[in-house]
Amino acid sequence: MELENTIVDVLKTIYDPEIPVDVYELGLIYEVKIDAKKNVEIEMTLTSPNCPVAESMPKEVEDKVAAIEGVISSKVNIVFDPPWDKDMMSEEAKLELGFL
């Protein structure tokens, strides 16, 4: 559980360049799986399939999570099902962007 909290803290340092909110609060992270050997697999989506950071953002997530002490490997799977929409954002993100 502690490792998962650390991963979430790191995810909150990665921002979508078009929206001033981090990927976690935006709801782009669907699942964080950690196996017994501390290999991390993250299912995430992008705000749109032709997002300008479709290449770089998942790589940044992978690299930053892999750099966490104790993590053996990090892999990001990009999924578009379910498609992202603004309802997936946290209350904090909605407030920040003026949706509330």
PDB file of N, CA and C in Angstrom:
ATOM      1  N   MET A   1       0.825  -1.203   0.000  1.00  0.00           N
ATOM      2  CA  MET A   1       0.000   0.000   0.000  1.00  0.00           C
ATOM      3  C   MET A   1       0.867   1.263   0.000  1.00  0.00           C
ATOM      4  N   GLU A   2       1.965   1.207   0.768  1.00  0.00           N
ATOM      5  CA  GLU A   2       2.849   2.368   0.834  1.00  0.00           C
ATOM      6  C   GLU A   2       3.446   2.684  -0.536  1.00  0.00           C
ATOM      7  N   LEU A   3       3.842   1.617  -1.263  1.00  0.00           N
ATOM      8  CA  LEU A   3       4.412   1.817  -2.598  1.00  0.00           C
ATOM      9  C   LEU A   3       3.372   2.437  -3.528  1.00  0.00           C
ATOM     10  N   GLU A   4       2.136   1.961  -3.422  1.00  0.00           N
ATOM     11  CA  GLU A   4       1.080   2.516  -4.266  1.00  0.00           C
ATOM     12  C   GLU A   4       0.883   4.011  -3.985  1.00  0.00           C
ATOM     13  N   ASN A   5       0.934   4.402  -2.712  1.00  0.00           N
ATOM     14  CA  ASN A   5       0.808   5.822  -2.358  1.00  0.00           C
ATOM     15  C   ASN A   5       1.959   6.636  -2.945  1.00  0.00           C
ATOM     16  N   THR A   6       3.161   6.078  -2.911  1.00  0.00           N
ATOM     17  CA  THR A   6       4.328   6.760  -3.482  1.00  0.00           C
ATOM     18  C   THR A   6       4.140   6.929  -4.989  1.00  0.00           C
ATOM     19  N   ILE A   7       3.638   5.882  -5.649  1.00  0.00           N
ATOM     20  CA  ILE A   7       3.395   5.949  -7.095  1.00  0.00           C
ATOM     21  C   ILE A   7       2.375   7.039  -7.410  1.00  0.00           C
ATOM     22  N   VAL A   8       1.294   7.087  -6.630  1.00  0.00           N
ATOM     23  CA  VAL A   8       0.276   8.120  -6.838  1.00  0.00           C
ATOM     24  C   VAL A   8       0.885   9.513  -6.646  1.00  0.00           C
ATOM     25  N   ASP A   9       1.732   9.678  -5.617  1.00  0.00           N
ATOM     26  CA  ASP A   9       2.392  10.976  -5.392  1.00  0.00           C
ATOM     27  C   ASP A   9       3.231  11.377  -6.607  1.00  0.00           C
ATOM     28  N   VAL A  10       3.930  10.408  -7.195  1.00  0.00           N
ATOM     29  CA  VAL A  10       4.749  10.687  -8.382  1.00  0.00           C
ATOM     30  C   VAL A  10       3.847  11.025  -9.577  1.00  0.00           C
ATOM     31  N   LEU A  11       2.753  10.287  -9.734  1.00  0.00           N
ATOM     32  CA  LEU A  11       1.824  10.564 -10.836  1.00  0.00           C
ATOM     33  C   LEU A  11       1.261  11.983 -10.740  1.00  0.00           C
ATOM     34  N   LYS A  12       1.123  12.471  -9.525  1.00  0.00           N
ATOM     35  CA  LYS A  12       0.588  13.827  -9.321  1.00  0.00           C
ATOM     36  C   LYS A  12       1.597  14.917  -9.672  1.00  0.00           C
ATOM     37  N   THR A  13       2.819  14.523 -10.078  1.00  0.00           N
ATOM     38  CA  THR A  13       3.808  15.512 -10.518  1.00  0.00           C
ATOM     39  C   THR A  13       3.854  15.607 -12.049  1.00  0.00           C
ATOM     40  N   ILE A  14       3.038  14.801 -12.726  1.00  0.00           N
ATOM     41  CA  ILE A  14       3.051  14.759 -14.194  1.00  0.00           C
ATOM     42  C   ILE A  14       1.789  15.464 -14.702  1.00  0.00           C
ATOM     43  N   TYR A  15       2.000  16.494 -15.495  1.00  0.00           N
ATOM     44  CA  TYR A  15       0.882  17.325 -15.949  1.00  0.00           C
ATOM     45  C   TYR A  15       0.616  17.162 -17.428  1.00  0.00           C
ATOM     46  N   ASP A  16      -0.662  17.233 -17.778  1.00  0.00           N
ATOM     47  CA  ASP A  16      -1.061  17.310 -19.176  1.00  0.00           C
ATOM     48  C   ASP A  16      -0.666  18.720 -19.628  1.00  0.00           C
ATOM     49  N   PRO A  17       0.078  18.855 -20.720  1.00  0.00           N
ATOM     50  CA  PRO A  17       0.557  20.186 -21.117  1.00  0.00           C
ATOM     51  C   PRO A  17      -0.570  21.136 -21.524  1.00  0.00           C
ATOM     52  N   GLU A  18      -1.727  20.604 -21.881  1.00  0.00           N
ATOM     53  CA  GLU A  18      -2.815  21.469 -22.332  1.00  0.00           C
ATOM     54  C   GLU A  18      -3.758  21.858 -21.196  1.00  0.00           C
ATOM     55  N   ILE A  19      -3.682  21.139 -20.071  1.00  0.00           N
ATOM     56  CA  ILE A  19      -4.592  21.378 -18.951  1.00  0.00           C
ATOM     57  C   ILE A  19      -3.735  21.468 -17.688  1.00  0.00           C
ATOM     58  N   PRO A  20      -3.887  22.525 -16.897  1.00  0.00           N
ATOM     59  CA  PRO A  20      -2.991  22.705 -15.737  1.00  0.00           C
ATOM     60  C   PRO A  20      -3.349  21.819 -14.536  1.00  0.00           C
ATOM     61  N   VAL A  21      -3.580  20.545 -14.813  1.00  0.00           N
ATOM     62  CA  VAL A  21      -3.948  19.590 -13.769  1.00  0.00           C
ATOM     63  C   VAL A  21      -3.137  18.320 -14.014  1.00  0.00           C
ATOM     64  N   ASP A  22      -2.742  17.645 -12.920  1.00  0.00           N
ATOM     65  CA  ASP A  22      -1.927  16.439 -13.091  1.00  0.00           C
ATOM     66  C   ASP A  22      -2.741  15.257 -13.614  1.00  0.00           C
ATOM     67  N   VAL A  23      -2.035  14.270 -14.168  1.00  0.00           N
ATOM     68  CA  VAL A  23      -2.686  13.129 -14.832  1.00  0.00           C
ATOM     69  C   VAL A  23      -3.563  12.321 -13.882  1.00  0.00           C
ATOM     70  N   TYR A  24      -3.188  12.287 -12.603  1.00  0.00           N
ATOM     71  CA  TYR A  24      -3.978  11.516 -11.632  1.00  0.00           C
ATOM     72  C   TYR A  24      -5.314  12.207 -11.341  1.00  0.00           C
ATOM     73  N   GLU A  25      -5.261  13.502 -11.036  1.00  0.00           N
ATOM     74  CA  GLU A  25      -6.488  14.251 -10.745  1.00  0.00           C
ATOM     75  C   GLU A  25      -7.383  14.374 -11.975  1.00  0.00           C
ATOM     76  N   LEU A  26      -6.772  14.352 -13.164  1.00  0.00           N
ATOM     77  CA  LEU A  26      -7.560  14.408 -14.404  1.00  0.00           C
ATOM     78  C   LEU A  26      -8.350  13.110 -14.631  1.00  0.00           C
ATOM     79  N   GLY A  27      -7.965  12.059 -13.924  1.00  0.00           N
ATOM     80  CA  GLY A  27      -8.649  10.786 -14.124  1.00  0.00           C
ATOM     81  C   GLY A  27      -8.085   9.987 -15.281  1.00  0.00           C
ATOM     82  N   LEU A  28      -6.858  10.318 -15.708  1.00  0.00           N
ATOM     83  CA  LEU A  28      -6.250   9.599 -16.839  1.00  0.00           C
ATOM     84  C   LEU A  28      -5.658   8.256 -16.417  1.00  0.00           C
ATOM     85  N   ILE A  29      -5.444   8.068 -15.114  1.00  0.00           N
ATOM     86  CA  ILE A  29      -4.885   6.812 -14.610  1.00  0.00           C
ATOM     87  C   ILE A  29      -6.051   5.907 -14.232  1.00  0.00           C
ATOM     88  N   TYR A  30      -6.218   4.811 -14.950  1.00  0.00           N
ATOM     89  CA  TYR A  30      -7.329   3.898 -14.682  1.00  0.00           C
ATOM     90  C   TYR A  30      -6.972   2.853 -13.638  1.00  0.00           C
ATOM     91  N   GLU A  31      -5.730   2.373 -13.677  1.00  0.00           N
ATOM     92  CA  GLU A  31      -5.358   1.314 -12.747  1.00  0.00           C
ATOM     93  C   GLU A  31      -3.853   1.283 -12.537  1.00  0.00           C
ATOM     94  N   VAL A  32      -3.451   1.013 -11.294  1.00  0.00           N
ATOM     95  CA  VAL A  32      -2.042   0.802 -10.965  1.00  0.00           C
ATOM     96  C   VAL A  32      -1.954  -0.597 -10.377  1.00  0.00           C
ATOM     97  N   LYS A  33      -1.217  -1.481 -11.063  1.00  0.00           N
ATOM     98  CA  LYS A  33      -1.055  -2.854 -10.580  1.00  0.00           C
ATOM     99  C   LYS A  33       0.399  -3.054 -10.175  1.00  0.00           C
ATOM    100  N   ILE A  34       0.581  -3.638  -8.994  1.00  0.00           N
ATOM    101  CA  ILE A  34       1.932  -3.918  -8.508  1.00  0.00           C
ATOM    102  C   ILE A  34       1.979  -5.406  -8.189  1.00  0.00           C
ATOM    103  N   ASP A  35       2.887  -6.144  -8.849  1.00  0.00           N
ATOM    104  CA  ASP A  35       2.965  -7.581  -8.552  1.00  0.00           C
ATOM    105  C   ASP A  35       3.895  -7.823  -7.358  1.00  0.00           C
ATOM    106  N   ALA A  36       4.025  -9.075  -6.963  1.00  0.00           N
ATOM    107  CA  ALA A  36       4.807  -9.444  -5.780  1.00  0.00           C
ATOM    108  C   ALA A  36       6.276  -9.044  -5.895  1.00  0.00           C
ATOM    109  N   LYS A  37       6.776  -8.961  -7.123  1.00  0.00           N
ATOM    110  CA  LYS A  37       8.183  -8.588  -7.332  1.00  0.00           C
ATOM    111  C   LYS A  37       8.371  -7.078  -7.483  1.00  0.00           C
ATOM    112  N   LYS A  38       7.286  -6.338  -7.346  1.00  0.00           N
ATOM    113  CA  LYS A  38       7.284  -4.872  -7.464  1.00  0.00           C
ATOM    114  C   LYS A  38       7.501  -4.397  -8.902  1.00  0.00           C
ATOM    115  N   ASN A  39       6.957  -5.158  -9.833  1.00  0.00           N
ATOM    116  CA  ASN A  39       6.852  -4.674 -11.204  1.00  0.00           C
ATOM    117  C   ASN A  39       5.524  -3.919 -11.256  1.00  0.00           C
ATOM    118  N   VAL A  40       5.546  -2.737 -11.831  1.00  0.00           N
ATOM    119  CA  VAL A  40       4.358  -1.889 -11.841  1.00  0.00           C
ATOM    120  C   VAL A  40       3.801  -1.818 -13.258  1.00  0.00           C
ATOM    121  N   GLU A  41       2.502  -1.994 -13.350  1.00  0.00           N
ATOM    122  CA  GLU A  41       1.818  -1.850 -14.633  1.00  0.00           C
ATOM    123  C   GLU A  41       0.710  -0.823 -14.440  1.00  0.00           C
ATOM    124  N   ILE A  42       0.678   0.159 -15.311  1.00  0.00           N
ATOM    125  CA  ILE A  42      -0.287   1.246 -15.195  1.00  0.00           C
ATOM    126  C   ILE A  42      -1.149   1.288 -16.445  1.00  0.00           C
ATOM    127  N   GLU A  43      -2.457   1.283 -16.234  1.00  0.00           N
ATOM    128  CA  GLU A  43      -3.381   1.501 -17.351  1.00  0.00           C
ATOM    129  C   GLU A  43      -3.781   2.955 -17.302  1.00  0.00           C
ATOM    130  N   MET A  44      -3.534   3.636 -18.392  1.00  0.00           N
ATOM    131  CA  MET A  44      -3.908   5.049 -18.450  1.00  0.00           C
ATOM    132  C   MET A  44      -4.491   5.369 -19.811  1.00  0.00           C
ATOM    133  N   THR A  45      -5.153   6.495 -19.876  1.00  0.00           N
ATOM    134  CA  THR A  45      -5.705   6.958 -21.135  1.00  0.00           C
ATOM    135  C   THR A  45      -5.183   8.363 -21.384  1.00  0.00           C
ATOM    136  N   LEU A  46      -5.556   8.927 -22.491  1.00  0.00           N
ATOM    137  CA  LEU A  46      -5.205  10.306 -22.829  1.00  0.00           C
ATOM    138  C   LEU A  46      -6.515  11.058 -23.039  1.00  0.00           C
ATOM    139  N   THR A  47      -6.457  12.369 -22.958  1.00  0.00           N
ATOM    140  CA  THR A  47      -7.688  13.137 -23.128  1.00  0.00           C
ATOM    141  C   THR A  47      -8.280  12.947 -24.520  1.00  0.00           C
ATOM    142  N   SER A  48      -7.431  12.624 -25.498  1.00  0.00           N
ATOM    143  CA  SER A  48      -7.929  12.266 -26.826  1.00  0.00           C
ATOM    144  C   SER A  48      -6.879  11.413 -27.526  1.00  0.00           C
ATOM    145  N   PRO A  49      -7.313  10.533 -28.453  1.00  0.00           N
ATOM    146  CA  PRO A  49      -6.352   9.647 -29.141  1.00  0.00           C
ATOM    147  C   PRO A  49      -5.271  10.400 -29.906  1.00  0.00           C
ATOM    148  N   ASN A  50      -5.564  11.624 -30.373  1.00  0.00           N
ATOM    149  CA  ASN A  50      -4.547  12.376 -31.115  1.00  0.00           C
ATOM    150  C   ASN A  50      -3.931  13.466 -30.245  1.00  0.00           C
ATOM    151  N   CYS A  51      -3.883  13.198 -28.956  1.00  0.00           N
ATOM    152  CA  CYS A  51      -3.254  14.087 -27.979  1.00  0.00           C
ATOM    153  C   CYS A  51      -1.801  14.345 -28.404  1.00  0.00           C
ATOM    154  N   PRO A  52      -1.352  15.611 -28.368  1.00  0.00           N
ATOM    155  CA  PRO A  52       0.015  15.912 -28.822  1.00  0.00           C
ATOM    156  C   PRO A  52       1.113  15.221 -28.004  1.00  0.00           C
ATOM    157  N   VAL A  53       0.787  14.780 -26.794  1.00  0.00           N
ATOM    158  CA  VAL A  53       1.802  14.116 -25.967  1.00  0.00           C
ATOM    159  C   VAL A  53       1.568  12.609 -25.881  1.00  0.00           C
ATOM    160  N   ALA A  54       0.884  12.055 -26.886  1.00  0.00           N
ATOM    161  CA  ALA A  54       0.562  10.621 -26.886  1.00  0.00           C
ATOM    162  C   ALA A  54       1.814   9.756 -26.759  1.00  0.00           C
ATOM    163  N   GLU A  55       2.933  10.245 -27.256  1.00  0.00           N
ATOM    164  CA  GLU A  55       4.191   9.498 -27.161  1.00  0.00           C
ATOM    165  C   GLU A  55       4.925   9.813 -25.867  1.00  0.00           C
ATOM    166  N   SER A  56       5.063  11.099 -25.566  1.00  0.00           N
ATOM    167  CA  SER A  56       5.939  11.512 -24.471  1.00  0.00           C
ATOM    168  C   SER A  56       5.339  11.327 -23.082  1.00  0.00           C
ATOM    169  N   MET A  57       4.045  11.552 -22.911  1.00  0.00           N
ATOM    170  CA  MET A  57       3.476  11.470 -21.570  1.00  0.00           C
ATOM    171  C   MET A  57       3.517  10.056 -20.986  1.00  0.00           C
ATOM    172  N   PRO A  58       3.098   9.018 -21.734  1.00  0.00           N
ATOM    173  CA  PRO A  58       3.218   7.661 -21.171  1.00  0.00           C
ATOM    174  C   PRO A  58       4.662   7.306 -20.836  1.00  0.00           C
ATOM    175  N   LYS A  59       5.606   7.763 -21.646  1.00  0.00           N
ATOM    176  CA  LYS A  59       7.035   7.516 -21.398  1.00  0.00           C
ATOM    177  C   LYS A  59       7.464   8.212 -20.107  1.00  0.00           C
ATOM    178  N   GLU A  60       6.992   9.434 -19.903  1.00  0.00           N
ATOM    179  CA  GLU A  60       7.316  10.169 -18.673  1.00  0.00           C
ATOM    180  C   GLU A  60       6.755   9.429 -17.449  1.00  0.00           C
ATOM    181  N   VAL A  61       5.526   8.925 -17.566  1.00  0.00           N
ATOM    182  CA  VAL A  61       4.914   8.154 -16.474  1.00  0.00           C
ATOM    183  C   VAL A  61       5.768   6.920 -16.185  1.00  0.00           C
ATOM    184  N   GLU A  62       6.109   6.177 -17.247  1.00  0.00           N
ATOM    185  CA  GLU A  62       6.932   4.973 -17.092  1.00  0.00           C
ATOM    186  C   GLU A  62       8.260   5.281 -16.414  1.00  0.00           C
ATOM    187  N   ASP A  63       8.940   6.302 -16.908  1.00  0.00           N
ATOM    188  CA  ASP A  63      10.276   6.645 -16.394  1.00  0.00           C
ATOM    189  C   ASP A  63      10.230   7.096 -14.941  1.00  0.00           C
ATOM    190  N   LYS A  64       9.268   7.947 -14.606  1.00  0.00           N
ATOM    191  CA  LYS A  64       9.202   8.472 -13.237  1.00  0.00           C
ATOM    192  C   LYS A  64       8.814   7.378 -12.247  1.00  0.00           C
ATOM    193  N   VAL A  65       7.912   6.484 -12.648  1.00  0.00           N
ATOM    194  CA  VAL A  65       7.522   5.386 -11.761  1.00  0.00           C
ATOM    195  C   VAL A  65       8.683   4.398 -11.618  1.00  0.00           C
ATOM    196  N   ALA A  66       9.378   4.118 -12.719  1.00  0.00           N
ATOM    197  CA  ALA A  66      10.522   3.195 -12.674  1.00  0.00           C
ATOM    198  C   ALA A  66      11.628   3.712 -11.759  1.00  0.00           C
ATOM    199  N   ALA A  67      11.720   5.036 -11.601  1.00  0.00           N
ATOM    200  CA  ALA A  67      12.773   5.642 -10.781  1.00  0.00           C
ATOM    201  C   ALA A  67      12.477   5.571  -9.280  1.00  0.00           C
ATOM    202  N   ILE A  68      11.254   5.161  -8.915  1.00  0.00           N
ATOM    203  CA  ILE A  68      10.896   5.067  -7.497  1.00  0.00           C
ATOM    204  C   ILE A  68      11.683   3.927  -6.855  1.00  0.00           C
ATOM    205  N   GLU A  69      12.229   4.207  -5.686  1.00  0.00           N
ATOM    206  CA  GLU A  69      13.007   3.197  -4.971  1.00  0.00           C
ATOM    207  C   GLU A  69      12.144   1.974  -4.686  1.00  0.00           C
ATOM    208  N   GLY A  70      12.671   0.799  -5.049  1.00  0.00           N
ATOM    209  CA  GLY A  70      11.936  -0.443  -4.807  1.00  0.00           C
ATOM    210  C   GLY A  70      11.184  -0.960  -6.027  1.00  0.00           C
ATOM    211  N   VAL A  71      10.892  -0.077  -6.983  1.00  0.00           N
ATOM    212  CA  VAL A  71      10.188  -0.515  -8.198  1.00  0.00           C
ATOM    213  C   VAL A  71      11.186  -1.199  -9.121  1.00  0.00           C
ATOM    214  N   ILE A  72      10.850  -2.416  -9.566  1.00  0.00           N
ATOM    215  CA  ILE A  72      11.734  -3.176 -10.452  1.00  0.00           C
ATOM    216  C   ILE A  72      11.554  -2.731 -11.900  1.00  0.00           C
ATOM    217  N   SER A  73      10.299  -2.646 -12.324  1.00  0.00           N
ATOM    218  CA  SER A  73      10.036  -2.193 -13.695  1.00  0.00           C
ATOM    219  C   SER A  73       8.702  -1.469 -13.722  1.00  0.00           C
ATOM    220  N   SER A  74       8.516  -0.689 -14.776  1.00  0.00           N
ATOM    221  CA  SER A  74       7.295   0.097 -14.935  1.00  0.00           C
ATOM    222  C   SER A  74       6.857  -0.004 -16.384  1.00  0.00           C
ATOM    223  N   LYS A  75       5.576  -0.310 -16.576  1.00  0.00           N
ATOM    224  CA  LYS A  75       5.046  -0.412 -17.935  1.00  0.00           C
ATOM    225  C   LYS A  75       3.720   0.321 -17.980  1.00  0.00           C
ATOM    226  N   VAL A  76       3.523   1.120 -19.014  1.00  0.00           N
ATOM    227  CA  VAL A  76       2.270   1.848 -19.200  1.00  0.00           C
ATOM    228  C   VAL A  76       1.525   1.260 -20.389  1.00  0.00           C
ATOM    229  N   ASN A  77       0.274   0.934 -20.170  1.00  0.00           N
ATOM    230  CA  ASN A  77      -0.604   0.505 -21.260  1.00  0.00           C
ATOM    231  C   ASN A  77      -1.610   1.624 -21.508  1.00  0.00           C
ATOM    232  N   ILE A  78      -1.649   2.101 -22.750  1.00  0.00           N
ATOM    233  CA  ILE A  78      -2.614   3.144 -23.106  1.00  0.00           C
ATOM    234  C   ILE A  78      -3.898   2.465 -23.563  1.00  0.00           C
ATOM    235  N   VAL A  79      -5.001   2.869 -22.963  1.00  0.00           N
ATOM    236  CA  VAL A  79      -6.305   2.319 -23.341  1.00  0.00           C
ATOM    237  C   VAL A  79      -7.264   3.473 -23.626  1.00  0.00           C
ATOM    238  N   PHE A  80      -8.206   3.227 -24.513  1.00  0.00           N
ATOM    239  CA  PHE A  80      -9.218   4.246 -24.803  1.00  0.00           C
ATOM    240  C   PHE A  80     -10.620   3.724 -24.502  1.00  0.00           C
ATOM    241  N   ASP A  81     -10.673   2.656 -23.699  1.00  0.00           N
ATOM    242  CA  ASP A  81     -11.949   2.097 -23.311  1.00  0.00           C
ATOM    243  C   ASP A  81     -11.944   1.902 -21.802  1.00  0.00           C
ATOM    244  N   PRO A  82     -12.716   2.590 -21.017  1.00  0.00           N
ATOM    245  CA  PRO A  82     -13.705   3.575 -21.479  1.00  0.00           C
ATOM    246  C   PRO A  82     -13.031   4.877 -21.917  1.00  0.00           C
ATOM    247  N   PRO A  83     -13.641   5.578 -22.871  1.00  0.00           N
ATOM    248  CA  PRO A  83     -13.063   6.849 -23.300  1.00  0.00           C
ATOM    249  C   PRO A  83     -13.108   7.858 -22.152  1.00  0.00           C
ATOM    250  N   TRP A  84     -12.089   8.684 -22.079  1.00  0.00           N
ATOM    251  CA  TRP A  84     -12.019   9.691 -21.028  1.00  0.00           C
ATOM    252  C   TRP A  84     -13.039  10.788 -21.275  1.00  0.00           C
ATOM    253  N   ASP A  85     -13.660  11.258 -20.208  1.00  0.00           N
ATOM    254  CA  ASP A  85     -14.420  12.508 -20.311  1.00  0.00           C
ATOM    255  C   ASP A  85     -14.266  13.268 -18.994  1.00  0.00           C
ATOM    256  N   LYS A  86     -14.717  14.500 -18.983  1.00  0.00           N
ATOM    257  CA  LYS A  86     -14.428  15.363 -17.831  1.00  0.00           C
ATOM    258  C   LYS A  86     -15.054  14.870 -16.530  1.00  0.00           C
ATOM    259  N   ASP A  87     -16.030  13.978 -16.596  1.00  0.00           N
ATOM    260  CA  ASP A  87     -16.634  13.429 -15.376  1.00  0.00           C
ATOM    261  C   ASP A  87     -15.660  12.549 -14.601  1.00  0.00           C
ATOM    262  N   MET A  88     -14.569  12.126 -15.239  1.00  0.00           N
ATOM    263  CA  MET A  88     -13.576  11.273 -14.585  1.00  0.00           C
ATOM    264  C   MET A  88     -12.597  12.078 -13.733  1.00  0.00           C
ATOM    265  N   MET A  89     -12.655  13.390 -13.845  1.00  0.00           N
ATOM    266  CA  MET A  89     -11.747  14.229 -13.065  1.00  0.00           C
ATOM    267  C   MET A  89     -12.164  14.240 -11.602  1.00  0.00           C
ATOM    268  N   SER A  90     -11.189  14.442 -10.736  1.00  0.00           N
ATOM    269  CA  SER A  90     -11.486  14.591  -9.308  1.00  0.00           C
ATOM    270  C   SER A  90     -12.220  15.917  -9.099  1.00  0.00           C
ATOM    271  N   GLU A  91     -12.871  16.037  -7.939  1.00  0.00           N
ATOM    272  CA  GLU A  91     -13.537  17.300  -7.587  1.00  0.00           C
ATOM    273  C   GLU A  91     -12.532  18.449  -7.648  1.00  0.00           C
ATOM    274  N   GLU A  92     -11.315  18.174  -7.155  1.00  0.00           N
ATOM    275  CA  GLU A  92     -10.256  19.189  -7.130  1.00  0.00           C
ATOM    276  C   GLU A  92      -9.949  19.702  -8.537  1.00  0.00           C
ATOM    277  N   ALA A  93      -9.835  18.767  -9.497  1.00  0.00           N
ATOM    278  CA  ALA A  93      -9.533  19.148 -10.881  1.00  0.00           C
ATOM    279  C   ALA A  93     -10.693  19.926 -11.491  1.00  0.00           C
ATOM    280  N   LYS A  94     -11.918  19.478 -11.224  1.00  0.00           N
ATOM    281  CA  LYS A  94     -13.095  20.183 -11.762  1.00  0.00           C
ATOM    282  C   LYS A  94     -13.159  21.606 -11.218  1.00  0.00           C
ATOM    283  N   LEU A  95     -12.846  21.762  -9.941  1.00  0.00           N
ATOM    284  CA  LEU A  95     -12.838  23.062  -9.306  1.00  0.00           C
ATOM    285  C   LEU A  95     -11.780  23.961  -9.955  1.00  0.00           C
ATOM    286  N   GLU A  96     -10.570  23.388 -10.122  1.00  0.00           N
ATOM    287  CA  GLU A  96      -9.437  24.100 -10.717  1.00  0.00           C
ATOM    288  C   GLU A  96      -9.776  24.630 -12.114  1.00  0.00           C
ATOM    289  N   LEU A  97     -10.513  23.804 -12.877  1.00  0.00           N
ATOM    290  CA  LEU A  97     -10.822  24.162 -14.266  1.00  0.00           C
ATOM    291  C   LEU A  97     -12.160  24.874 -14.424  1.00  0.00           C
ATOM    292  N   GLY A  98     -12.827  25.116 -13.288  1.00  0.00           N
ATOM    293  CA  GLY A  98     -14.076  25.872 -13.337  1.00  0.00           C
ATOM    294  C   GLY A  98     -15.285  25.080 -13.774  1.00  0.00           C
ATOM    295  N   PHE A  99     -15.259  23.749 -13.609  1.00  0.00           N
ATOM    296  CA  PHE A  99     -16.412  22.921 -13.961  1.00  0.00           C
ATOM    297  C   PHE A  99     -17.422  22.805 -12.824  1.00  0.00           C
ATOM    298  N   LEU A 100     -17.056  23.307 -11.621  1.00  0.00           N
ATOM    299  CA  LEU A 100     -17.978  23.230 -10.483  1.00  0.00           C
ATOM    300  C   LEU A 100     -18.456  24.622 -10.097  1.00  0.00           C
TER     301      LEU A 100
END
